[in-house]
Amino acid sequence: MKLSESLQDYAFQEIKKRIQNGDYSPGTKLNTQEISISLGISRSPVLAAINRLIALGLVEAIPRKGAVVAKLSVSQIRNIIEARQMMELFCVKLAIKNVDYHPLILKEMESIVKDFETALEDGYPAAADLDTRFHTLYIALCGNQQIIKFYESNWSVGTMFYLYGIAHMPLSHHETAFFHHKEILNALKTKDEETLYKAIETHMSIIYETLEWYSQNVE
């Protein structure tokens, strides 16, 4: 990978994380100079990263105003969540099939599950990072590079924390969902396909419930 590409990926992930965590709230203008200084890189990879975020729908290019963080509609968020659910359920069989070949991935997922015990104390950024890492590792078990790439670019896990940040909901509302990760991990370790499928569906149901609450009280 070229250095310019790795810097672009770095900028893309960092800006996306700041949007997810609420550091850049909807309507915020993204100043490439300020972002490049804060990341310690040149403006070129930052501009390229912002263009990727525009293509993803997280940022809007507004005439005479520049790049602005978008406010996602309920339908946009639902589309993202549905795509995530489709990929996670599709990967059930493949993840179970491949789990024995990836002990390091399983070990890292176990470490993340343990870290979830204190996630509520550490706040949104830490919890969002743990959640994203756990589910990305799960998807990695499927071994399909196209799915992995689409999953990472779809910003699917971040939508939950986006909703929480916009609605100013306490992280404690997400506590039940944290415990689902342990159920998902145990189903992987025991290679229980039916339980894994149900655990993912249950986990996703909380996100749909949050979206419904958001649509009625915030949107």
Protein backbone atom coordinates (compact mmCIF):
# COMPACT_ATOMS: atom_id res chain seq x y z
CA MET A 1 0.00 0.00 0.00
CA LYS A 2 1.26 3.48 -0.87
CA LEU A 3 1.95 5.90 1.98
CA SER A 4 -0.64 8.33 0.55
CA GLU A 5 -3.27 5.58 0.67
CA SER A 6 -2.46 4.65 4.26
CA LEU A 7 -2.66 8.30 5.34
CA GLN A 8 -5.98 8.63 3.55
CA ASP A 9 -7.31 5.56 5.36
CA TYR A 10 -6.03 6.97 8.66
CA ALA A 11 -7.76 10.30 8.06
CA PHE A 12 -10.93 8.55 6.91
CA GLN A 13 -11.15 6.42 10.05
CA GLU A 14 -10.34 9.31 12.40
CA ILE A 15 -12.84 11.75 10.89
CA LYS A 16 -15.49 9.04 10.78
CA LYS A 17 -14.81 8.27 14.45
CA ARG A 18 -15.16 11.95 15.37
CA ILE A 19 -18.53 12.10 13.62
CA GLN A 20 -19.61 8.90 15.37
CA ASN A 21 -18.51 10.18 18.78
CA GLY A 22 -20.24 13.52 18.32
CA ASP A 23 -17.03 15.57 18.17
CA TYR A 24 -18.26 16.71 14.75
CA SER A 25 -22.00 17.08 15.17
CA PRO A 26 -24.46 17.36 12.23
CA GLY A 27 -24.04 20.71 10.49
CA THR A 28 -20.38 21.07 11.48
CA LYS A 29 -18.17 22.39 8.68
CA LEU A 30 -15.09 20.22 8.17
CA ASN A 31 -12.06 22.49 7.89
CA THR A 32 -9.34 20.54 6.10
CA GLN A 33 -6.55 22.75 7.47
CA GLU A 34 -7.66 22.28 11.09
CA ILE A 35 -8.15 18.54 10.64
CA SER A 36 -4.78 18.07 8.95
CA ILE A 37 -3.06 19.90 11.82
CA SER A 38 -4.89 17.85 14.46
CA LEU A 39 -3.94 14.59 12.68
CA GLY A 40 -0.39 15.67 11.92
CA ILE A 41 -0.67 15.02 8.18
CA SER A 42 -1.00 17.09 5.01
CA ARG A 43 -4.30 18.34 3.62
CA SER A 44 -4.32 16.03 0.57
CA PRO A 45 -5.20 12.78 2.38
CA VAL A 46 -7.68 14.68 4.54
CA LEU A 47 -9.45 16.03 1.46
CA ALA A 48 -9.49 12.54 -0.09
CA ALA A 49 -10.92 11.12 3.15
CA ILE A 50 -13.66 13.76 3.23
CA ASN A 51 -14.59 12.90 -0.36
CA ARG A 52 -14.94 9.26 0.71
CA LEU A 53 -17.19 10.34 3.58
CA ILE A 54 -19.28 12.34 1.11
CA ALA A 55 -19.69 9.21 -1.02
CA LEU A 56 -20.65 7.30 2.14
CA GLY A 57 -23.33 9.88 2.97
CA LEU A 58 -21.85 11.00 6.30
CA VAL A 59 -20.76 14.35 4.88
CA GLU A 60 -22.50 16.70 2.44
CA ALA A 61 -20.84 19.00 -0.08
CA ILE A 62 -22.81 22.25 0.13
CA PRO A 63 -22.21 25.04 -2.44
CA ARG A 64 -20.46 28.12 -0.96
CA LYS A 65 -20.22 26.39 2.42
CA GLY A 66 -18.00 23.38 1.80
CA ALA A 67 -18.06 19.94 3.42
CA VAL A 68 -20.56 19.67 6.25
CA VAL A 69 -21.39 16.74 8.52
CA ALA A 70 -24.73 15.35 7.41
CA LYS A 71 -27.72 14.65 9.59
CA LEU A 72 -28.77 11.15 8.61
CA SER A 73 -32.47 10.55 8.13
CA VAL A 74 -34.27 7.64 9.79
CA SER A 75 -34.56 5.88 6.44
CA GLN A 76 -30.82 6.28 5.78
CA ILE A 77 -29.95 4.87 9.19
CA ARG A 78 -32.38 1.98 8.73
CA ASN A 79 -30.77 1.13 5.39
CA ILE A 80 -27.34 1.04 7.02
CA ILE A 81 -28.58 -1.13 9.90
CA GLU A 82 -30.33 -3.54 7.53
CA ALA A 83 -27.14 -3.91 5.49
CA ARG A 84 -25.23 -4.67 8.69
CA GLN A 85 -27.76 -7.26 9.81
CA MET A 86 -27.69 -8.93 6.41
CA MET A 87 -23.90 -9.27 6.50
CA GLU A 88 -23.68 -10.46 10.11
CA LEU A 89 -26.34 -13.13 9.63
CA PHE A 90 -24.82 -14.24 6.33
CA CYS A 91 -21.46 -14.74 8.08
CA VAL A 92 -22.82 -17.09 10.77
CA LYS A 93 -22.03 -20.32 8.92
CA LEU A 94 -18.69 -19.08 7.61
CA ALA A 95 -17.55 -17.70 10.98
CA ILE A 96 -18.27 -21.00 12.71
CA LYS A 97 -16.55 -22.90 9.93
CA ASN A 98 -13.41 -20.74 10.17
CA VAL A 99 -13.20 -20.06 13.91
CA ASP A 100 -10.65 -22.81 14.60
CA TYR A 101 -8.30 -21.32 12.02
CA HIS A 102 -8.20 -17.90 13.70
CA PRO A 103 -7.34 -18.32 17.40
CA LEU A 104 -5.86 -14.82 17.58
CA ILE A 105 -9.13 -13.25 16.42
CA LEU A 106 -11.04 -15.25 19.02
CA LYS A 107 -8.55 -14.22 21.71
CA GLU A 108 -8.95 -10.55 20.82
CA MET A 109 -12.74 -10.88 20.89
CA GLU A 110 -12.48 -12.42 24.36
CA SER A 111 -10.37 -9.47 25.49
CA ILE A 112 -12.92 -7.01 24.13
CA VAL A 113 -15.79 -8.78 25.89
CA LYS A 114 -13.88 -8.39 29.15
CA ASP A 115 -13.28 -4.71 28.44
CA PHE A 116 -17.02 -4.19 27.96
CA GLU A 117 -17.39 -4.65 31.73
CA THR A 118 -15.98 -1.13 32.25
CA ALA A 119 -17.14 0.40 28.96
CA LEU A 120 -19.96 2.34 30.61
CA GLU A 121 -17.44 4.12 32.81
CA ASP A 122 -15.17 5.04 29.91
CA GLY A 123 -17.80 6.85 27.82
CA TYR A 124 -18.90 6.97 24.19
CA PRO A 125 -15.56 6.94 22.34
CA ALA A 126 -14.23 3.90 24.19
CA ALA A 127 -17.51 1.98 23.94
CA ALA A 128 -17.88 2.77 20.25
CA ASP A 129 -14.33 1.61 19.57
CA LEU A 130 -14.89 -1.68 21.44
CA ASP A 131 -18.18 -2.31 19.66
CA THR A 132 -16.69 -1.61 16.25
CA ARG A 133 -13.65 -3.80 16.87
CA PHE A 134 -15.72 -6.73 18.15
CA HIS A 135 -18.10 -6.83 15.20
CA THR A 136 -15.36 -6.18 12.64
CA LEU A 137 -13.41 -9.14 14.05
CA TYR A 138 -16.52 -11.29 13.85
CA ILE A 139 -16.99 -10.35 10.19
CA ALA A 140 -13.28 -11.07 9.58
CA LEU A 141 -13.93 -14.70 10.56
CA CYS A 142 -16.03 -15.14 7.42
CA GLY A 143 -12.87 -14.83 5.33
CA ASN A 144 -14.59 -12.95 2.50
CA GLN A 145 -12.55 -9.84 1.75
CA GLN A 146 -15.34 -8.12 -0.18
CA ILE A 147 -17.76 -8.50 2.72
CA ILE A 148 -15.11 -7.32 5.18
CA LYS A 149 -14.38 -4.25 3.04
CA PHE A 150 -18.05 -3.38 2.60
CA TYR A 151 -18.78 -3.92 6.30
CA GLU A 152 -15.98 -1.56 7.35
CA SER A 153 -17.00 1.13 4.86
CA ASN A 154 -20.70 0.87 5.65
CA TRP A 155 -20.23 2.54 9.08
CA SER A 156 -22.83 0.09 10.33
CA VAL A 157 -21.79 -0.21 13.97
CA GLY A 158 -21.34 3.53 14.36
CA THR A 159 -24.99 4.29 13.70
CA MET A 160 -25.99 3.19 17.22
CA PHE A 161 -23.61 5.67 18.84
CA TYR A 162 -24.62 8.31 16.31
CA LEU A 163 -28.21 7.91 17.50
CA TYR A 164 -27.19 8.05 21.14
CA GLY A 165 -25.10 11.15 20.58
CA ILE A 166 -27.82 13.02 18.69
CA ALA A 167 -30.48 12.06 21.24
CA HIS A 168 -28.16 12.71 24.22
CA MET A 169 -29.05 9.29 25.59
CA PRO A 170 -26.95 7.91 28.46
CA LEU A 171 -24.68 5.04 27.52
CA SER A 172 -26.38 2.92 30.20
CA HIS A 173 -29.24 2.41 27.71
CA HIS A 174 -26.83 0.31 25.70
CA GLU A 175 -25.85 -1.88 28.66
CA THR A 176 -28.01 -4.86 27.63
CA ALA A 177 -26.47 -4.84 24.16
CA PHE A 178 -23.00 -5.09 25.69
CA PHE A 179 -23.89 -8.43 27.27
CA HIS A 180 -24.95 -9.82 23.90
CA HIS A 181 -21.32 -9.83 22.82
CA LYS A 182 -20.60 -12.53 25.37
CA GLU A 183 -23.46 -14.62 23.98
CA ILE A 184 -22.14 -14.16 20.44
CA LEU A 185 -18.63 -15.15 21.54
CA ASN A 186 -19.84 -18.25 23.42
CA ALA A 187 -21.88 -19.38 20.41
CA LEU A 188 -18.78 -19.05 18.24
CA LYS A 189 -16.65 -21.03 20.68
CA THR A 190 -19.22 -23.82 20.93
CA LYS A 191 -19.96 -23.63 17.19
CA ASP A 192 -23.65 -23.34 17.90
CA GLU A 193 -25.06 -21.99 14.66
CA GLU A 194 -28.66 -21.58 15.85
CA THR A 195 -27.67 -19.76 19.05
CA LEU A 196 -25.29 -17.47 17.18
CA TYR A 197 -27.99 -16.59 14.66
CA LYS A 198 -30.47 -15.78 17.45
CA ALA A 199 -27.89 -13.81 19.46
CA ILE A 200 -27.16 -11.56 16.48
CA GLU A 201 -30.86 -11.03 15.78
CA THR A 202 -31.49 -10.14 19.43
CA HIS A 203 -28.54 -7.77 19.42
CA MET A 204 -29.81 -6.05 16.28
CA SER A 205 -33.34 -5.75 17.69
CA ILE A 206 -32.09 -3.28 20.30
CA ILE A 207 -30.70 -1.08 17.55
CA TYR A 208 -34.02 -1.13 15.71
CA GLU A 209 -35.82 -0.25 18.96
CA THR A 210 -33.46 2.68 19.48
CA LEU A 211 -34.07 3.87 15.93
CA GLU A 212 -37.82 3.69 16.50
CA TRP A 213 -37.50 5.72 19.70
CA TYR A 214 -35.31 8.21 17.86
CA SER A 215 -37.83 8.60 15.02
CA GLN A 216 -40.64 9.35 17.48
CA ASN A 217 -38.79 11.63 19.91
CA VAL A 218 -35.96 13.34 18.04
CA GLU A 219 -36.39 13.24 14.26
